[in-house]
N, C-alpha and C. Protein backbone atom coordinates (compact mmCIF):
# COMPACT_ATOMS: atom_id res chain seq x y z
N UNK A 1 -12.93 2.28 -11.34
CA UNK A 1 -12.59 2.43 -9.94
C UNK A 1 -11.87 3.76 -9.75
N UNK A 2 -12.33 4.54 -8.85
CA UNK A 2 -11.69 5.80 -8.53
C UNK A 2 -11.28 5.76 -7.06
N UNK A 3 -10.17 5.08 -6.81
CA UNK A 3 -9.70 4.90 -5.44
C UNK A 3 -8.55 5.85 -5.17
N UNK A 4 -8.49 6.35 -3.95
CA UNK A 4 -7.43 7.27 -3.55
C UNK A 4 -6.61 6.65 -2.43
N UNK A 5 -5.30 6.46 -2.64
CA UNK A 5 -4.47 5.89 -1.57
C UNK A 5 -4.34 6.86 -0.41
N UNK A 6 -4.26 6.30 0.78
CA UNK A 6 -4.09 7.08 2.00
C UNK A 6 -2.86 6.56 2.75
N UNK A 7 -2.16 7.45 3.43
CA UNK A 7 -0.93 7.12 4.13
C UNK A 7 -0.88 7.86 5.46
N UNK A 8 -0.30 7.25 6.46
CA UNK A 8 -0.09 7.95 7.73
C UNK A 8 0.82 9.15 7.53
N UNK A 9 1.72 9.07 6.57
CA UNK A 9 2.67 10.16 6.33
C UNK A 9 2.06 11.34 5.58
N UNK A 10 0.76 11.28 5.26
CA UNK A 10 0.15 12.41 4.57
C UNK A 10 0.01 13.62 5.50
N UNK A 11 0.18 13.39 6.80
CA UNK A 11 0.22 14.49 7.78
C UNK A 11 1.51 14.33 8.58
N UNK A 12 2.23 15.43 8.77
CA UNK A 12 3.54 15.36 9.43
C UNK A 12 3.56 16.07 10.78
N UNK A 13 2.42 16.21 11.40
CA UNK A 13 2.32 16.89 12.69
C UNK A 13 2.98 16.03 13.76
N UNK A 14 4.10 16.47 14.28
CA UNK A 14 4.82 15.71 15.31
C UNK A 14 4.03 15.61 16.61
N UNK A 15 3.05 16.48 16.79
CA UNK A 15 2.22 16.43 17.99
C UNK A 15 1.13 15.39 17.93
N UNK A 16 1.01 14.73 16.80
CA UNK A 16 -0.01 13.70 16.60
C UNK A 16 0.67 12.34 16.52
N UNK A 17 0.28 11.43 17.38
CA UNK A 17 0.87 10.10 17.34
C UNK A 17 0.46 9.38 16.06
N UNK A 18 1.43 8.71 15.45
CA UNK A 18 1.17 8.04 14.18
C UNK A 18 0.06 6.99 14.32
N UNK A 19 0.02 6.28 15.43
CA UNK A 19 -1.01 5.24 15.58
C UNK A 19 -2.40 5.85 15.53
N UNK A 20 -2.57 7.07 16.03
CA UNK A 20 -3.88 7.73 15.96
C UNK A 20 -4.24 8.08 14.52
N UNK A 21 -3.23 8.48 13.73
CA UNK A 21 -3.47 8.75 12.31
C UNK A 21 -3.88 7.45 11.61
N UNK A 22 -3.20 6.37 11.94
CA UNK A 22 -3.50 5.08 11.30
C UNK A 22 -4.91 4.63 11.66
N UNK A 23 -5.28 4.77 12.91
CA UNK A 23 -6.63 4.38 13.32
C UNK A 23 -7.68 5.23 12.58
N UNK A 24 -7.41 6.50 12.42
CA UNK A 24 -8.34 7.36 11.68
C UNK A 24 -8.43 6.91 10.22
N UNK A 25 -7.30 6.58 9.61
CA UNK A 25 -7.32 6.11 8.23
C UNK A 25 -8.11 4.81 8.10
N UNK A 26 -7.97 3.92 9.08
CA UNK A 26 -8.72 2.67 9.08
C UNK A 26 -10.21 2.97 9.15
N UNK A 27 -10.59 3.92 9.98
CA UNK A 27 -12.00 4.30 10.10
C UNK A 27 -12.55 4.88 8.80
N UNK A 28 -11.71 5.59 8.06
CA UNK A 28 -12.16 6.30 6.86
C UNK A 28 -12.04 5.48 5.58
N UNK A 29 -11.45 4.30 5.65
CA UNK A 29 -11.16 3.53 4.44
C UNK A 29 -11.99 2.26 4.35
N UNK A 30 -12.52 2.02 3.17
CA UNK A 30 -13.29 0.80 2.91
C UNK A 30 -12.37 -0.38 2.63
N UNK A 31 -11.10 -0.08 2.30
CA UNK A 31 -10.13 -1.12 1.96
C UNK A 31 -8.88 -0.94 2.79
N UNK A 32 -8.24 -2.05 3.13
CA UNK A 32 -6.98 -2.01 3.84
C UNK A 32 -6.02 -3.02 3.22
N UNK A 33 -4.81 -2.59 2.92
CA UNK A 33 -3.79 -3.48 2.35
C UNK A 33 -2.61 -3.50 3.31
N UNK A 34 -2.24 -4.70 3.74
CA UNK A 34 -1.19 -4.87 4.75
C UNK A 34 -0.16 -5.87 4.23
N UNK A 35 1.07 -5.39 4.03
CA UNK A 35 2.16 -6.25 3.56
C UNK A 35 3.00 -6.65 4.78
N UNK A 36 2.92 -7.91 5.13
CA UNK A 36 3.62 -8.42 6.31
C UNK A 36 4.98 -9.02 5.97
N UNK A 37 5.45 -8.79 4.76
CA UNK A 37 6.69 -9.43 4.33
C UNK A 37 7.95 -8.83 4.96
N UNK A 38 7.84 -7.69 5.59
CA UNK A 38 9.02 -7.05 6.18
C UNK A 38 9.01 -7.13 7.70
N UNK A 39 8.34 -8.11 8.25
CA UNK A 39 8.21 -8.22 9.71
C UNK A 39 9.39 -8.91 10.37
N UNK A 40 10.04 -9.81 9.67
CA UNK A 40 11.08 -10.58 10.33
C UNK A 40 12.44 -9.88 10.26
N UNK A 41 13.25 -10.18 11.23
CA UNK A 41 14.61 -9.63 11.25
C UNK A 41 15.39 -10.23 10.10
N UNK A 42 16.26 -9.43 9.50
CA UNK A 42 17.04 -9.94 8.37
C UNK A 42 18.42 -10.43 8.78
N UNK A 43 18.84 -10.08 10.01
CA UNK A 43 20.13 -10.58 10.49
C UNK A 43 20.09 -10.70 12.01
N UNK A 44 21.02 -11.46 12.55
CA UNK A 44 21.09 -11.71 13.98
C UNK A 44 21.24 -10.39 14.74
N UNK A 45 20.47 -10.26 15.82
CA UNK A 45 20.53 -9.07 16.64
C UNK A 45 19.60 -7.95 16.19
N UNK A 46 19.02 -8.09 15.03
CA UNK A 46 18.10 -7.08 14.51
C UNK A 46 16.69 -7.37 15.02
N UNK A 47 15.96 -6.32 15.35
CA UNK A 47 14.59 -6.50 15.82
C UNK A 47 13.66 -6.76 14.64
N UNK A 48 12.67 -7.59 14.88
CA UNK A 48 11.64 -7.79 13.86
C UNK A 48 10.67 -6.63 13.94
N UNK A 49 9.99 -6.35 12.85
CA UNK A 49 9.09 -5.21 12.75
C UNK A 49 7.68 -5.64 13.11
N UNK A 50 7.05 -4.92 13.99
CA UNK A 50 5.70 -5.27 14.44
C UNK A 50 4.63 -4.27 14.01
N UNK A 51 5.02 -3.19 13.34
CA UNK A 51 4.05 -2.17 12.97
C UNK A 51 2.95 -2.71 12.06
N UNK A 52 3.32 -3.39 11.00
CA UNK A 52 2.31 -3.87 10.06
C UNK A 52 1.37 -4.90 10.69
N UNK A 53 1.86 -5.87 11.46
CA UNK A 53 0.91 -6.77 12.12
C UNK A 53 -0.02 -6.04 13.09
N UNK A 54 0.51 -5.03 13.79
CA UNK A 54 -0.32 -4.25 14.69
C UNK A 54 -1.42 -3.52 13.92
N UNK A 55 -1.04 -2.89 12.81
CA UNK A 55 -2.02 -2.17 11.99
C UNK A 55 -3.06 -3.13 11.40
N UNK A 56 -2.61 -4.30 10.98
CA UNK A 56 -3.56 -5.31 10.50
C UNK A 56 -4.53 -5.70 11.61
N UNK A 57 -4.02 -5.84 12.82
CA UNK A 57 -4.88 -6.17 13.96
C UNK A 57 -5.95 -5.11 14.19
N UNK A 58 -5.57 -3.84 14.08
CA UNK A 58 -6.57 -2.77 14.20
C UNK A 58 -7.61 -2.88 13.09
N UNK A 59 -7.16 -3.14 11.88
CA UNK A 59 -8.09 -3.22 10.74
C UNK A 59 -9.04 -4.41 10.91
N UNK A 60 -8.50 -5.56 11.29
CA UNK A 60 -9.36 -6.73 11.50
C UNK A 60 -10.28 -6.52 12.70
N UNK A 61 -9.78 -5.84 13.73
CA UNK A 61 -10.62 -5.52 14.89
C UNK A 61 -11.76 -4.59 14.51
N UNK A 62 -11.50 -3.61 13.66
CA UNK A 62 -12.57 -2.72 13.20
C UNK A 62 -13.64 -3.51 12.47
N UNK A 63 -13.20 -4.42 11.64
CA UNK A 63 -14.14 -5.27 10.88
C UNK A 63 -14.97 -6.13 11.83
N UNK A 64 -14.33 -6.68 12.84
CA UNK A 64 -15.02 -7.61 13.75
C UNK A 64 -15.88 -6.89 14.78
N UNK A 65 -15.41 -5.75 15.28
CA UNK A 65 -16.09 -5.11 16.41
C UNK A 65 -16.65 -3.73 16.11
N UNK A 66 -16.46 -3.25 14.89
CA UNK A 66 -16.84 -1.89 14.55
C UNK A 66 -18.28 -1.69 14.14
N UNK A 67 -19.06 -2.75 14.23
CA UNK A 67 -20.47 -2.61 13.89
C UNK A 67 -20.71 -2.65 12.40
N UNK A 68 -21.90 -2.28 12.04
CA UNK A 68 -22.37 -2.38 10.65
C UNK A 68 -21.48 -1.60 9.67
N UNK A 69 -21.01 -0.43 10.11
CA UNK A 69 -20.19 0.42 9.23
C UNK A 69 -18.94 -0.31 8.74
N UNK A 70 -18.34 -1.13 9.58
CA UNK A 70 -17.06 -1.77 9.23
C UNK A 70 -17.21 -3.24 8.83
N UNK A 71 -18.39 -3.80 8.95
CA UNK A 71 -18.58 -5.22 8.67
C UNK A 71 -18.22 -5.59 7.24
N UNK A 72 -18.36 -4.66 6.30
CA UNK A 72 -18.08 -4.96 4.90
C UNK A 72 -16.68 -4.51 4.47
N UNK A 73 -15.87 -4.09 5.42
CA UNK A 73 -14.51 -3.64 5.11
C UNK A 73 -13.73 -4.78 4.45
N UNK A 74 -12.97 -4.46 3.43
CA UNK A 74 -12.18 -5.45 2.69
C UNK A 74 -10.72 -5.30 3.06
N UNK A 75 -10.05 -6.42 3.30
CA UNK A 75 -8.66 -6.41 3.73
C UNK A 75 -7.85 -7.38 2.87
N UNK A 76 -6.71 -6.90 2.39
CA UNK A 76 -5.76 -7.74 1.66
C UNK A 76 -4.51 -7.87 2.52
N UNK A 77 -4.11 -9.11 2.77
CA UNK A 77 -2.88 -9.39 3.52
C UNK A 77 -1.87 -9.95 2.53
N UNK A 78 -0.73 -9.29 2.45
CA UNK A 78 0.35 -9.72 1.56
C UNK A 78 1.49 -10.31 2.37
N UNK A 79 2.13 -11.29 1.79
CA UNK A 79 3.33 -11.89 2.39
C UNK A 79 4.31 -12.21 1.27
N UNK A 80 5.56 -12.41 1.63
CA UNK A 80 6.58 -12.69 0.62
C UNK A 80 6.40 -14.08 0.01
N UNK A 81 6.27 -15.08 0.86
CA UNK A 81 6.10 -16.46 0.41
C UNK A 81 4.78 -16.99 0.94
N UNK A 82 4.11 -17.77 0.13
CA UNK A 82 2.80 -18.29 0.52
C UNK A 82 2.89 -19.11 1.81
N UNK A 83 1.99 -18.84 2.73
CA UNK A 83 1.79 -19.53 4.00
C UNK A 83 2.86 -19.25 5.07
N UNK A 84 3.83 -18.37 4.80
CA UNK A 84 4.86 -18.14 5.81
C UNK A 84 4.31 -17.35 7.00
N UNK A 85 3.40 -16.43 6.76
CA UNK A 85 2.89 -15.62 7.86
C UNK A 85 2.14 -16.47 8.88
N UNK A 86 1.55 -17.57 8.41
CA UNK A 86 0.80 -18.44 9.30
C UNK A 86 1.71 -19.17 10.28
N UNK A 87 2.99 -19.25 9.97
CA UNK A 87 3.94 -19.86 10.90
C UNK A 87 4.12 -18.97 12.14
N UNK A 88 4.06 -17.66 11.93
CA UNK A 88 4.23 -16.72 13.05
C UNK A 88 2.90 -16.30 13.66
N UNK A 89 1.85 -16.32 12.85
CA UNK A 89 0.52 -15.91 13.32
C UNK A 89 -0.47 -16.98 12.90
N UNK A 90 -0.48 -18.07 13.63
CA UNK A 90 -1.33 -19.21 13.25
C UNK A 90 -2.81 -18.85 13.24
N UNK A 91 -3.19 -17.77 13.93
CA UNK A 91 -4.58 -17.34 13.90
C UNK A 91 -5.01 -16.87 12.52
N UNK A 92 -4.04 -16.61 11.63
CA UNK A 92 -4.38 -16.21 10.27
C UNK A 92 -4.56 -17.41 9.36
N UNK A 93 -4.39 -18.63 9.89
CA UNK A 93 -4.63 -19.83 9.08
C UNK A 93 -6.07 -19.77 8.57
N UNK A 94 -6.23 -20.05 7.31
CA UNK A 94 -7.56 -19.98 6.72
C UNK A 94 -7.85 -18.66 6.05
N UNK A 95 -7.02 -17.65 6.30
CA UNK A 95 -7.17 -16.37 5.59
C UNK A 95 -6.54 -16.52 4.21
N UNK A 96 -7.13 -15.89 3.26
CA UNK A 96 -6.57 -15.93 1.90
C UNK A 96 -5.54 -14.82 1.73
N UNK A 97 -4.36 -15.07 2.27
CA UNK A 97 -3.26 -14.11 2.10
C UNK A 97 -2.71 -14.26 0.69
N UNK A 98 -2.24 -13.18 0.13
CA UNK A 98 -1.63 -13.22 -1.19
C UNK A 98 -0.12 -13.10 -1.01
N UNK A 99 0.63 -13.69 -1.92
CA UNK A 99 2.08 -13.59 -1.82
C UNK A 99 2.65 -12.97 -3.09
N UNK A 100 3.82 -12.32 -2.93
CA UNK A 100 4.39 -11.58 -4.05
C UNK A 100 5.83 -11.94 -4.38
N UNK A 101 6.42 -12.89 -3.66
CA UNK A 101 7.78 -13.36 -3.92
C UNK A 101 8.80 -12.22 -3.94
N UNK A 102 8.49 -11.13 -3.23
CA UNK A 102 9.39 -9.98 -3.16
C UNK A 102 9.64 -9.36 -4.54
N UNK A 103 8.66 -9.47 -5.42
CA UNK A 103 8.75 -8.97 -6.78
C UNK A 103 7.76 -7.81 -6.93
N UNK A 104 8.26 -6.57 -7.07
CA UNK A 104 7.36 -5.41 -7.16
C UNK A 104 6.32 -5.53 -8.27
N UNK A 105 6.70 -6.10 -9.39
CA UNK A 105 5.74 -6.26 -10.50
C UNK A 105 4.61 -7.20 -10.10
N UNK A 106 4.94 -8.23 -9.34
CA UNK A 106 3.91 -9.15 -8.86
C UNK A 106 3.02 -8.46 -7.82
N UNK A 107 3.58 -7.58 -7.00
CA UNK A 107 2.78 -6.82 -6.04
C UNK A 107 1.71 -6.04 -6.80
N UNK A 108 2.11 -5.37 -7.87
CA UNK A 108 1.15 -4.60 -8.68
C UNK A 108 0.04 -5.52 -9.19
N UNK A 109 0.41 -6.68 -9.70
CA UNK A 109 -0.58 -7.62 -10.24
C UNK A 109 -1.54 -8.11 -9.15
N UNK A 110 -0.99 -8.49 -8.02
CA UNK A 110 -1.81 -9.01 -6.92
C UNK A 110 -2.79 -7.95 -6.42
N UNK A 111 -2.29 -6.73 -6.19
CA UNK A 111 -3.14 -5.66 -5.68
C UNK A 111 -4.17 -5.26 -6.73
N UNK A 112 -3.77 -5.14 -7.98
CA UNK A 112 -4.70 -4.80 -9.06
C UNK A 112 -5.82 -5.82 -9.14
N UNK A 113 -5.48 -7.09 -9.16
CA UNK A 113 -6.50 -8.15 -9.27
C UNK A 113 -7.42 -8.16 -8.06
N UNK A 114 -6.86 -7.94 -6.88
CA UNK A 114 -7.68 -7.91 -5.67
C UNK A 114 -8.65 -6.74 -5.71
N UNK A 115 -8.17 -5.57 -6.11
CA UNK A 115 -9.05 -4.40 -6.18
C UNK A 115 -10.16 -4.60 -7.22
N UNK A 116 -9.83 -5.20 -8.35
CA UNK A 116 -10.86 -5.48 -9.35
C UNK A 116 -11.93 -6.38 -8.75
N UNK A 117 -11.50 -7.40 -8.03
CA UNK A 117 -12.45 -8.34 -7.43
C UNK A 117 -13.25 -7.71 -6.29
N UNK A 118 -12.58 -7.01 -5.39
CA UNK A 118 -13.23 -6.53 -4.17
C UNK A 118 -13.86 -5.15 -4.28
N UNK A 119 -13.37 -4.31 -5.19
CA UNK A 119 -13.94 -2.97 -5.33
C UNK A 119 -15.12 -2.98 -6.30
N UNK A 120 -15.37 -4.11 -6.89
CA UNK A 120 -16.50 -4.23 -7.80
C UNK A 120 -16.15 -3.78 -9.20
N UNK A 121 -16.88 -4.32 -10.14
CA UNK A 121 -16.65 -3.93 -11.52
C UNK A 121 -15.43 -4.61 -12.10
N UNK A 122 -14.99 -4.09 -13.21
CA UNK A 122 -13.82 -4.66 -13.85
C UNK A 122 -12.91 -3.52 -14.30
N UNK A 123 -11.71 -3.87 -14.60
CA UNK A 123 -10.75 -2.90 -15.09
C UNK A 123 -10.27 -3.37 -16.45
N UNK A 124 -10.17 -2.45 -17.38
CA UNK A 124 -9.64 -2.80 -18.69
C UNK A 124 -8.13 -2.61 -18.74
N UNK A 125 -7.57 -2.20 -17.62
CA UNK A 125 -6.14 -1.92 -17.57
C UNK A 125 -5.40 -3.11 -16.98
N UNK A 126 -4.45 -3.62 -17.72
CA UNK A 126 -3.66 -4.78 -17.29
C UNK A 126 -2.62 -4.36 -16.26
N UNK A 127 -2.27 -5.30 -15.41
CA UNK A 127 -1.23 -5.04 -14.40
C UNK A 127 0.07 -4.60 -15.06
N UNK A 128 0.40 -5.18 -16.19
CA UNK A 128 1.63 -4.81 -16.89
C UNK A 128 1.59 -3.35 -17.35
N UNK A 129 0.42 -2.87 -17.77
CA UNK A 129 0.28 -1.47 -18.17
C UNK A 129 0.48 -0.54 -16.97
N UNK A 130 -0.04 -0.93 -15.82
CA UNK A 130 0.14 -0.15 -14.60
C UNK A 130 1.63 -0.09 -14.26
N UNK A 131 2.30 -1.24 -14.30
CA UNK A 131 3.72 -1.33 -13.98
C UNK A 131 4.55 -0.46 -14.93
N UNK A 132 4.28 -0.55 -16.22
CA UNK A 132 5.03 0.25 -17.19
C UNK A 132 4.78 1.74 -16.99
N UNK A 133 3.53 2.11 -16.72
CA UNK A 133 3.19 3.51 -16.49
C UNK A 133 3.90 4.03 -15.24
N UNK A 134 3.93 3.24 -14.18
CA UNK A 134 4.62 3.63 -12.95
C UNK A 134 6.10 3.88 -13.22
N UNK A 135 6.73 2.98 -13.94
CA UNK A 135 8.16 3.14 -14.23
C UNK A 135 8.42 4.35 -15.12
N UNK A 136 7.55 4.59 -16.08
CA UNK A 136 7.69 5.76 -16.93
C UNK A 136 7.56 7.03 -16.08
N UNK A 137 6.56 7.05 -15.18
CA UNK A 137 6.38 8.20 -14.29
C UNK A 137 7.62 8.43 -13.44
N UNK A 138 8.18 7.38 -12.86
CA UNK A 138 9.35 7.53 -11.99
C UNK A 138 10.53 8.14 -12.75
N UNK A 139 10.73 7.71 -14.00
CA UNK A 139 11.78 8.30 -14.82
C UNK A 139 11.48 9.75 -15.14
N UNK A 140 10.21 10.01 -15.49
CA UNK A 140 9.80 11.38 -15.83
C UNK A 140 9.98 12.32 -14.64
N UNK A 141 9.52 11.93 -13.47
CA UNK A 141 9.59 12.84 -12.32
C UNK A 141 11.04 13.10 -11.94
N UNK A 142 11.89 12.10 -12.04
CA UNK A 142 13.31 12.31 -11.73
C UNK A 142 13.90 13.36 -12.68
N UNK A 143 13.66 13.16 -13.98
CA UNK A 143 14.20 14.10 -14.97
C UNK A 143 13.61 15.50 -14.79
N UNK A 144 12.31 15.57 -14.53
CA UNK A 144 11.63 16.85 -14.35
C UNK A 144 12.18 17.60 -13.15
N UNK A 145 12.33 16.91 -12.04
CA UNK A 145 12.83 17.56 -10.83
C UNK A 145 14.31 17.93 -10.94
N UNK A 146 15.10 17.08 -11.57
CA UNK A 146 16.52 17.40 -11.79
C UNK A 146 16.64 18.68 -12.62
N UNK A 147 15.77 18.82 -13.64
CA UNK A 147 15.78 20.01 -14.49
C UNK A 147 15.39 21.26 -13.70
N UNK A 148 14.71 21.07 -12.56
CA UNK A 148 14.29 22.19 -11.71
C UNK A 148 15.24 22.37 -10.53
N UNK A 149 16.45 21.82 -10.67
CA UNK A 149 17.54 21.98 -9.70
C UNK A 149 17.34 21.20 -8.40
N UNK A 150 16.55 20.14 -8.42
CA UNK A 150 16.45 19.27 -7.26
C UNK A 150 17.68 18.36 -7.24
N UNK A 151 18.22 18.11 -6.07
CA UNK A 151 19.33 17.16 -5.95
C UNK A 151 18.76 15.74 -5.90
N UNK A 152 19.62 14.77 -6.08
CA UNK A 152 19.18 13.37 -5.99
C UNK A 152 18.61 13.08 -4.59
N UNK A 153 19.21 13.66 -3.55
CA UNK A 153 18.69 13.49 -2.19
C UNK A 153 17.32 14.13 -2.03
N UNK A 154 17.13 15.34 -2.60
CA UNK A 154 15.81 15.99 -2.55
C UNK A 154 14.76 15.10 -3.20
N UNK A 155 15.10 14.53 -4.34
CA UNK A 155 14.15 13.68 -5.07
C UNK A 155 13.84 12.43 -4.26
N UNK A 156 14.86 11.81 -3.70
CA UNK A 156 14.66 10.58 -2.92
C UNK A 156 13.80 10.83 -1.70
N UNK A 157 13.82 12.06 -1.17
CA UNK A 157 13.09 12.39 0.05
C UNK A 157 11.87 13.27 -0.22
N UNK A 158 11.34 13.23 -1.44
CA UNK A 158 10.18 14.05 -1.77
C UNK A 158 9.04 13.69 -0.81
N UNK A 159 8.35 14.69 -0.35
CA UNK A 159 7.25 14.52 0.59
C UNK A 159 6.11 13.75 -0.10
N UNK A 160 5.47 12.83 0.61
CA UNK A 160 4.51 11.89 0.02
C UNK A 160 3.32 12.60 -0.63
N UNK A 161 2.80 13.67 -0.02
CA UNK A 161 1.68 14.39 -0.63
C UNK A 161 2.09 15.06 -1.94
N UNK A 162 3.30 15.60 -1.97
CA UNK A 162 3.80 16.22 -3.19
C UNK A 162 3.97 15.18 -4.29
N UNK A 163 4.53 14.03 -3.94
CA UNK A 163 4.67 12.95 -4.91
C UNK A 163 3.30 12.51 -5.43
N UNK A 164 2.35 12.34 -4.52
CA UNK A 164 0.99 11.92 -4.91
C UNK A 164 0.34 12.96 -5.82
N UNK A 165 0.47 14.24 -5.49
CA UNK A 165 -0.09 15.30 -6.33
C UNK A 165 0.54 15.31 -7.71
N UNK A 166 1.85 15.16 -7.77
CA UNK A 166 2.54 15.13 -9.07
C UNK A 166 2.11 13.89 -9.87
N UNK A 167 1.93 12.78 -9.18
CA UNK A 167 1.48 11.56 -9.86
C UNK A 167 0.06 11.75 -10.40
N UNK A 168 -0.83 12.33 -9.59
CA UNK A 168 -2.20 12.58 -10.05
C UNK A 168 -2.21 13.47 -11.29
N UNK A 169 -1.43 14.54 -11.27
CA UNK A 169 -1.34 15.44 -12.42
C UNK A 169 -0.79 14.73 -13.64
N UNK A 170 0.26 13.95 -13.42
CA UNK A 170 0.86 13.22 -14.53
C UNK A 170 -0.14 12.23 -15.13
N UNK A 171 -0.90 11.54 -14.28
CA UNK A 171 -1.89 10.57 -14.78
C UNK A 171 -3.01 11.24 -15.57
N UNK A 172 -3.39 12.47 -15.18
CA UNK A 172 -4.41 13.19 -15.96
C UNK A 172 -3.91 13.46 -17.38
N UNK A 173 -2.62 13.75 -17.50
CA UNK A 173 -2.03 14.03 -18.82
C UNK A 173 -1.58 12.77 -19.55
N UNK A 174 -1.36 11.70 -18.81
CA UNK A 174 -0.83 10.45 -19.38
C UNK A 174 -1.64 9.26 -18.85
N UNK A 175 -2.90 9.16 -19.23
CA UNK A 175 -3.70 8.03 -18.69
C UNK A 175 -3.07 6.69 -19.06
N UNK A 176 -3.24 5.74 -18.17
CA UNK A 176 -2.69 4.40 -18.41
C UNK A 176 -3.44 3.78 -19.58
N UNK A 177 -2.69 3.25 -20.51
CA UNK A 177 -3.30 2.66 -21.72
C UNK A 177 -3.84 1.27 -21.44
N UNK A 178 -4.96 1.00 -22.07
CA UNK A 178 -5.58 -0.34 -21.92
C UNK A 178 -4.73 -1.37 -22.62
């Protein structure tokens, strides 16, 4: 599988509305992954987040109404606990949502397994190998950037395209072991 992640933040043009970037990404992508686990308010008086459900709605709408081009689009819906999203969006009852228990390692496993199933073919790389490689990369990039006089704040706020490019380069030199 040679898949390339896409993000609305890959373009920072303030003159372009983010929703238009997201719609374009939906049009250009055969796969959509939507994590709805951060939609609810965490404390009294806090607003719940509606961006991810809105984006999921666009993706499902493209699949339903976008004609032949989008009919085969694959969508993964993630939630923190199994069946909780159906309490807020009962129209999703019957959808095979995946849950991750708020565990990043489980997120990797769920997404990896879904991509193997839906992108076709098989992968010889275990979810644990992906997780270990990611953590090794994160340590490496921190040390590398610190050695180049980046501050901790600079590193924490690295631009997404730069991070992706550095990750791609690192993976070429350090392929994930089977």
